[in-house]
Amino acid sequence: MTFTQQPVRPPRTTNQVVDVVMTVVLLAVHGLVFIVSVYISLFFAMATDSCYGECDTAPLTAAFVVTDGGGLLTLALAIIVSIVLLVRRRLAFWVPLVGIAIQIALVIAGAHLASSIM
């Protein structure tokens, strides 16, 4: 039997190591931002304090789905895309930054939905 030698990947450069470290740190920050956004969404229920009698709480449900569900989906996608980019040795530090920006936008959208309860 003859064996062919597999091509050897060159070692990671300093820039690639910094990218890996920054991506992991920023993913941890993104996880903390998600936890804070879930904590903030717990206060959305206070939007029903101004209701007397009947109150349409459908926007409150939508606010929870947008903030919590969308945030979890954003975090999961950021982790998956970051891993794929790191394995392919591409720059990945920007993925958690975009995820954090989307997370903040989702909290703002959820707060707007929660405040529209009447």
N, C-alpha and C. Protein backbone atom coordinates (compact mmCIF):
# COMPACT_ATOMS: atom_id res chain seq x y z
N MET A 1 0.82 -1.16 0.00
CA MET A 1 0.00 0.00 0.00
C MET A 1 0.88 1.24 0.00
N THR A 2 0.41 2.22 -0.73
CA THR A 2 1.12 3.50 -0.72
C THR A 2 0.24 4.54 -0.07
N PHE A 3 0.87 5.36 0.73
CA PHE A 3 0.15 6.42 1.42
C PHE A 3 0.60 7.75 0.87
N THR A 4 -0.37 8.63 0.68
CA THR A 4 -0.02 9.98 0.26
C THR A 4 -0.05 10.88 1.48
N GLN A 5 0.90 11.77 1.53
CA GLN A 5 0.98 12.66 2.67
C GLN A 5 -0.02 13.80 2.52
N GLN A 6 -0.77 14.05 3.60
CA GLN A 6 -1.75 15.13 3.59
C GLN A 6 -1.01 16.46 3.71
N PRO A 7 -1.53 17.49 3.03
CA PRO A 7 -0.90 18.80 3.19
C PRO A 7 -1.03 19.29 4.63
N VAL A 8 0.01 19.88 5.13
CA VAL A 8 0.04 20.36 6.50
C VAL A 8 -0.33 21.83 6.50
N ARG A 9 -1.25 22.18 7.40
CA ARG A 9 -1.63 23.59 7.53
C ARG A 9 -0.51 24.35 8.21
N PRO A 10 -0.26 25.55 7.75
CA PRO A 10 0.76 26.35 8.43
C PRO A 10 0.25 26.74 9.82
N PRO A 11 1.16 26.96 10.75
CA PRO A 11 0.72 27.36 12.11
C PRO A 11 0.01 28.71 12.07
N ARG A 12 -0.79 28.93 13.08
CA ARG A 12 -1.54 30.18 13.15
C ARG A 12 -0.59 31.36 13.37
N THR A 13 -0.92 32.45 12.71
CA THR A 13 -0.14 33.67 12.91
C THR A 13 -0.63 34.39 14.16
N THR A 14 0.10 35.40 14.55
CA THR A 14 -0.29 36.18 15.74
C THR A 14 -1.65 36.82 15.56
N ASN A 15 -1.92 37.32 14.36
CA ASN A 15 -3.22 37.94 14.09
C ASN A 15 -4.36 36.94 14.24
N GLN A 16 -4.14 35.71 13.81
CA GLN A 16 -5.19 34.70 13.93
C GLN A 16 -5.42 34.32 15.39
N VAL A 17 -4.37 34.28 16.17
CA VAL A 17 -4.52 33.97 17.60
C VAL A 17 -5.29 35.08 18.30
N VAL A 18 -4.97 36.32 17.98
CA VAL A 18 -5.68 37.46 18.56
C VAL A 18 -7.15 37.41 18.15
N ASP A 19 -7.42 37.04 16.91
CA ASP A 19 -8.80 36.94 16.43
C ASP A 19 -9.56 35.88 17.21
N VAL A 20 -8.94 34.73 17.45
CA VAL A 20 -9.60 33.66 18.21
C VAL A 20 -9.91 34.13 19.63
N VAL A 21 -8.93 34.76 20.28
CA VAL A 21 -9.13 35.23 21.66
C VAL A 21 -10.22 36.30 21.71
N MET A 22 -10.17 37.26 20.81
CA MET A 22 -11.18 38.32 20.80
C MET A 22 -12.57 37.78 20.49
N THR A 23 -12.65 36.81 19.59
CA THR A 23 -13.95 36.22 19.26
C THR A 23 -14.55 35.52 20.47
N VAL A 24 -13.74 34.76 21.20
CA VAL A 24 -14.23 34.06 22.38
C VAL A 24 -14.66 35.05 23.46
N VAL A 25 -13.85 36.09 23.68
CA VAL A 25 -14.20 37.11 24.68
C VAL A 25 -15.49 37.82 24.29
N LEU A 26 -15.61 38.20 23.02
CA LEU A 26 -16.81 38.91 22.57
C LEU A 26 -18.04 38.01 22.59
N LEU A 27 -17.87 36.70 22.35
CA LEU A 27 -19.01 35.79 22.48
C LEU A 27 -19.46 35.69 23.94
N ALA A 28 -18.51 35.73 24.86
CA ALA A 28 -18.88 35.74 26.29
C ALA A 28 -19.63 37.03 26.63
N VAL A 29 -19.17 38.15 26.09
CA VAL A 29 -19.86 39.43 26.31
C VAL A 29 -21.27 39.37 25.71
N HIS A 30 -21.38 38.76 24.53
CA HIS A 30 -22.69 38.61 23.89
C HIS A 30 -23.62 37.77 24.78
N GLY A 31 -23.08 36.72 25.38
CA GLY A 31 -23.88 35.92 26.31
C GLY A 31 -24.36 36.74 27.49
N LEU A 32 -23.49 37.60 28.02
CA LEU A 32 -23.90 38.48 29.13
C LEU A 32 -24.95 39.49 28.69
N VAL A 33 -24.81 40.01 27.49
CA VAL A 33 -25.81 40.95 26.96
C VAL A 33 -27.15 40.24 26.82
N PHE A 34 -27.13 38.97 26.40
CA PHE A 34 -28.37 38.20 26.31
C PHE A 34 -29.01 38.03 27.68
N ILE A 35 -28.21 37.71 28.69
CA ILE A 35 -28.74 37.54 30.04
C ILE A 35 -29.35 38.85 30.55
N VAL A 36 -28.69 39.96 30.29
CA VAL A 36 -29.21 41.27 30.71
C VAL A 36 -30.51 41.57 29.97
N SER A 37 -30.58 41.23 28.68
CA SER A 37 -31.81 41.52 27.92
C SER A 37 -32.98 40.67 28.43
N VAL A 38 -32.71 39.44 28.83
CA VAL A 38 -33.78 38.61 29.41
C VAL A 38 -34.23 39.22 30.74
N TYR A 39 -33.30 39.71 31.54
CA TYR A 39 -33.64 40.37 32.80
C TYR A 39 -34.49 41.61 32.55
N ILE A 40 -34.10 42.40 31.56
CA ILE A 40 -34.87 43.60 31.23
C ILE A 40 -36.28 43.23 30.76
N SER A 41 -36.38 42.14 30.00
CA SER A 41 -37.69 41.75 29.48
C SER A 41 -38.65 41.33 30.59
N LEU A 42 -38.12 40.95 31.74
CA LEU A 42 -39.01 40.62 32.85
C LEU A 42 -39.83 41.82 33.31
N PHE A 43 -39.32 43.01 33.08
CA PHE A 43 -40.03 44.22 33.47
C PHE A 43 -41.10 44.64 32.46
N PHE A 44 -41.17 43.96 31.31
CA PHE A 44 -42.20 44.27 30.33
C PHE A 44 -43.60 44.04 30.89
N ALA A 45 -43.72 43.12 31.83
CA ALA A 45 -45.04 42.83 32.41
C ALA A 45 -45.62 44.04 33.13
N MET A 46 -44.77 44.97 33.54
CA MET A 46 -45.25 46.18 34.21
C MET A 46 -46.02 47.09 33.26
N ALA A 47 -45.94 46.82 31.98
CA ALA A 47 -46.69 47.62 31.02
C ALA A 47 -48.19 47.40 31.18
N THR A 48 -48.58 46.30 31.80
CA THR A 48 -50.01 46.03 32.01
C THR A 48 -50.55 46.72 33.25
N ASP A 49 -49.73 47.42 34.02
CA ASP A 49 -50.19 48.11 35.23
C ASP A 49 -51.21 49.20 34.91
N SER A 50 -51.13 49.77 33.75
CA SER A 50 -52.05 50.85 33.40
C SER A 50 -53.39 50.34 32.88
N CYS A 51 -53.54 49.03 32.75
CA CYS A 51 -54.79 48.46 32.25
C CYS A 51 -55.80 48.31 33.39
N TYR A 52 -57.01 48.71 33.09
CA TYR A 52 -58.12 48.52 34.03
C TYR A 52 -59.13 47.62 33.36
N GLY A 53 -59.39 46.47 33.94
CA GLY A 53 -60.34 45.53 33.35
C GLY A 53 -59.70 44.76 32.21
N GLU A 54 -60.30 44.86 31.04
CA GLU A 54 -59.80 44.16 29.86
C GLU A 54 -58.54 44.81 29.31
N CYS A 55 -57.61 43.97 28.90
CA CYS A 55 -56.36 44.49 28.35
C CYS A 55 -55.87 43.51 27.29
N ASP A 56 -55.52 44.00 26.13
CA ASP A 56 -55.00 43.16 25.05
C ASP A 56 -53.51 42.93 25.31
N THR A 57 -53.15 41.71 25.70
CA THR A 57 -51.76 41.41 26.03
C THR A 57 -51.00 40.75 24.88
N ALA A 58 -51.58 40.73 23.68
CA ALA A 58 -50.88 40.14 22.53
C ALA A 58 -49.56 40.86 22.24
N PRO A 59 -49.51 42.20 22.33
CA PRO A 59 -48.21 42.84 22.12
C PRO A 59 -47.17 42.46 23.17
N LEU A 60 -47.62 42.16 24.39
CA LEU A 60 -46.69 41.74 25.43
C LEU A 60 -46.08 40.37 25.09
N THR A 61 -46.91 39.47 24.60
CA THR A 61 -46.41 38.16 24.16
C THR A 61 -45.42 38.33 23.02
N ALA A 62 -45.75 39.19 22.08
CA ALA A 62 -44.84 39.45 20.96
C ALA A 62 -43.53 40.07 21.44
N ALA A 63 -43.62 40.93 22.46
CA ALA A 63 -42.41 41.55 23.01
C ALA A 63 -41.49 40.50 23.63
N PHE A 64 -42.07 39.54 24.35
CA PHE A 64 -41.26 38.46 24.93
C PHE A 64 -40.63 37.59 23.84
N VAL A 65 -41.41 37.29 22.81
CA VAL A 65 -40.88 36.45 21.72
C VAL A 65 -39.75 37.17 21.00
N VAL A 66 -39.94 38.45 20.72
CA VAL A 66 -38.90 39.21 20.01
C VAL A 66 -37.65 39.33 20.85
N THR A 67 -37.81 39.71 22.11
CA THR A 67 -36.64 39.97 22.96
C THR A 67 -35.94 38.67 23.36
N ASP A 68 -36.68 37.71 23.89
CA ASP A 68 -36.05 36.50 24.40
C ASP A 68 -35.76 35.48 23.30
N GLY A 69 -36.76 35.20 22.49
CA GLY A 69 -36.57 34.23 21.42
C GLY A 69 -35.59 34.71 20.36
N GLY A 70 -35.77 35.96 19.95
CA GLY A 70 -34.86 36.53 18.97
C GLY A 70 -33.44 36.66 19.49
N GLY A 71 -33.33 36.99 20.79
CA GLY A 71 -32.00 37.09 21.40
C GLY A 71 -31.30 35.75 21.47
N LEU A 72 -32.03 34.70 21.84
CA LEU A 72 -31.45 33.36 21.90
C LEU A 72 -31.03 32.89 20.51
N LEU A 73 -31.87 33.16 19.52
CA LEU A 73 -31.54 32.79 18.14
C LEU A 73 -30.31 33.56 17.66
N THR A 74 -30.23 34.84 17.99
CA THR A 74 -29.07 35.64 17.60
C THR A 74 -27.79 35.12 18.24
N LEU A 75 -27.86 34.78 19.52
CA LEU A 75 -26.69 34.24 20.21
C LEU A 75 -26.26 32.91 19.61
N ALA A 76 -27.21 32.03 19.34
CA ALA A 76 -26.89 30.73 18.75
C ALA A 76 -26.26 30.89 17.37
N LEU A 77 -26.83 31.75 16.55
CA LEU A 77 -26.27 31.97 15.21
C LEU A 77 -24.87 32.59 15.28
N ALA A 78 -24.66 33.50 16.23
CA ALA A 78 -23.34 34.11 16.37
C ALA A 78 -22.31 33.06 16.76
N ILE A 79 -22.67 32.15 17.64
CA ILE A 79 -21.74 31.09 18.04
C ILE A 79 -21.43 30.18 16.86
N ILE A 80 -22.45 29.76 16.13
CA ILE A 80 -22.26 28.85 15.01
C ILE A 80 -21.42 29.50 13.91
N VAL A 81 -21.77 30.71 13.54
CA VAL A 81 -21.03 31.39 12.46
C VAL A 81 -19.60 31.66 12.89
N SER A 82 -19.38 32.02 14.15
CA SER A 82 -18.02 32.27 14.64
C SER A 82 -17.18 31.00 14.58
N ILE A 83 -17.75 29.88 14.98
CA ILE A 83 -17.01 28.61 14.94
C ILE A 83 -16.65 28.26 13.50
N VAL A 84 -17.60 28.40 12.59
CA VAL A 84 -17.32 28.08 11.18
C VAL A 84 -16.21 28.98 10.64
N LEU A 85 -16.28 30.27 10.92
CA LEU A 85 -15.24 31.18 10.43
C LEU A 85 -13.88 30.89 11.06
N LEU A 86 -13.86 30.55 12.34
CA LEU A 86 -12.59 30.24 13.00
C LEU A 86 -11.97 28.96 12.45
N VAL A 87 -12.80 27.97 12.17
CA VAL A 87 -12.28 26.72 11.61
C VAL A 87 -11.71 26.96 10.22
N ARG A 88 -12.35 27.84 9.46
CA ARG A 88 -11.85 28.17 8.12
C ARG A 88 -10.74 29.22 8.15
N ARG A 89 -10.36 29.64 9.35
CA ARG A 89 -9.29 30.62 9.56
C ARG A 89 -9.58 31.97 8.89
N ARG A 90 -10.81 32.39 9.03
CA ARG A 90 -11.23 33.71 8.56
C ARG A 90 -11.45 34.60 9.77
N LEU A 91 -11.46 35.91 9.55
CA LEU A 91 -11.73 36.84 10.65
C LEU A 91 -13.14 36.61 11.19
N ALA A 92 -13.26 36.49 12.49
CA ALA A 92 -14.57 36.19 13.08
C ALA A 92 -14.95 37.13 14.21
N PHE A 93 -14.08 38.05 14.60
CA PHE A 93 -14.38 38.90 15.76
C PHE A 93 -15.58 39.79 15.52
N TRP A 94 -15.90 40.07 14.27
CA TRP A 94 -17.00 40.97 13.95
C TRP A 94 -18.36 40.31 14.17
N VAL A 95 -18.43 38.99 14.16
CA VAL A 95 -19.72 38.30 14.29
C VAL A 95 -20.38 38.59 15.65
N PRO A 96 -19.67 38.45 16.77
CA PRO A 96 -20.32 38.79 18.05
C PRO A 96 -20.67 40.27 18.15
N LEU A 97 -19.89 41.14 17.54
CA LEU A 97 -20.22 42.57 17.57
C LEU A 97 -21.54 42.84 16.86
N VAL A 98 -21.73 42.20 15.72
CA VAL A 98 -23.01 42.33 15.00
C VAL A 98 -24.13 41.72 15.83
N GLY A 99 -23.87 40.58 16.47
CA GLY A 99 -24.87 39.95 17.32
C GLY A 99 -25.28 40.82 18.49
N ILE A 100 -24.32 41.50 19.10
CA ILE A 100 -24.62 42.41 20.22
C ILE A 100 -25.48 43.57 19.73
N ALA A 101 -25.16 44.12 18.56
CA ALA A 101 -25.96 45.22 18.01
C ALA A 101 -27.39 44.76 17.72
N ILE A 102 -27.53 43.56 17.17
CA ILE A 102 -28.87 43.01 16.90
C ILE A 102 -29.61 42.78 18.22
N GLN A 103 -28.90 42.29 19.23
CA GLN A 103 -29.51 42.05 20.54
C GLN A 103 -30.06 43.34 21.13
N ILE A 104 -29.30 44.41 21.05
CA ILE A 104 -29.76 45.71 21.57
C ILE A 104 -30.98 46.19 20.79
N ALA A 105 -30.95 46.01 19.47
CA ALA A 105 -32.11 46.41 18.64
C ALA A 105 -33.34 45.59 19.01
N LEU A 106 -33.17 44.31 19.31
CA LEU A 106 -34.31 43.47 19.70
C LEU A 106 -34.90 43.91 21.03
N VAL A 107 -34.06 44.32 21.97
CA VAL A 107 -34.57 44.82 23.26
C VAL A 107 -35.36 46.10 23.05
N ILE A 108 -34.86 46.99 22.20
CA ILE A 108 -35.58 48.23 21.91
C ILE A 108 -36.92 47.92 21.24
N ALA A 109 -36.91 46.98 20.28
CA ALA A 109 -38.16 46.61 19.60
C ALA A 109 -39.13 45.96 20.59
N GLY A 110 -38.64 45.13 21.49
CA GLY A 110 -39.50 44.50 22.49
C GLY A 110 -40.08 45.51 23.45
N ALA A 111 -39.28 46.49 23.86
CA ALA A 111 -39.79 47.54 24.75
C ALA A 111 -40.87 48.36 24.05
N HIS A 112 -40.68 48.62 22.76
CA HIS A 112 -41.69 49.37 22.01
C HIS A 112 -42.99 48.56 21.92
N LEU A 113 -42.86 47.26 21.67
CA LEU A 113 -44.06 46.42 21.62
C LEU A 113 -44.76 46.37 22.98
N ALA A 114 -43.99 46.25 24.04
CA ALA A 114 -44.58 46.17 25.39
C ALA A 114 -45.27 47.46 25.76
N SER A 115 -44.74 48.59 25.31
CA SER A 115 -45.35 49.88 25.67
C SER A 115 -46.61 50.17 24.86
N SER A 116 -46.88 49.36 23.84
CA SER A 116 -48.07 49.59 23.01
C SER A 116 -49.31 48.87 23.54
N ILE A 117 -49.24 48.32 24.73
CA ILE A 117 -50.40 47.63 25.33
C ILE A 117 -51.44 48.66 25.76
N MET A 118 -52.68 48.38 25.39
CA MET A 118 -53.79 49.26 25.79
C MET A 118 -55.00 48.43 26.11
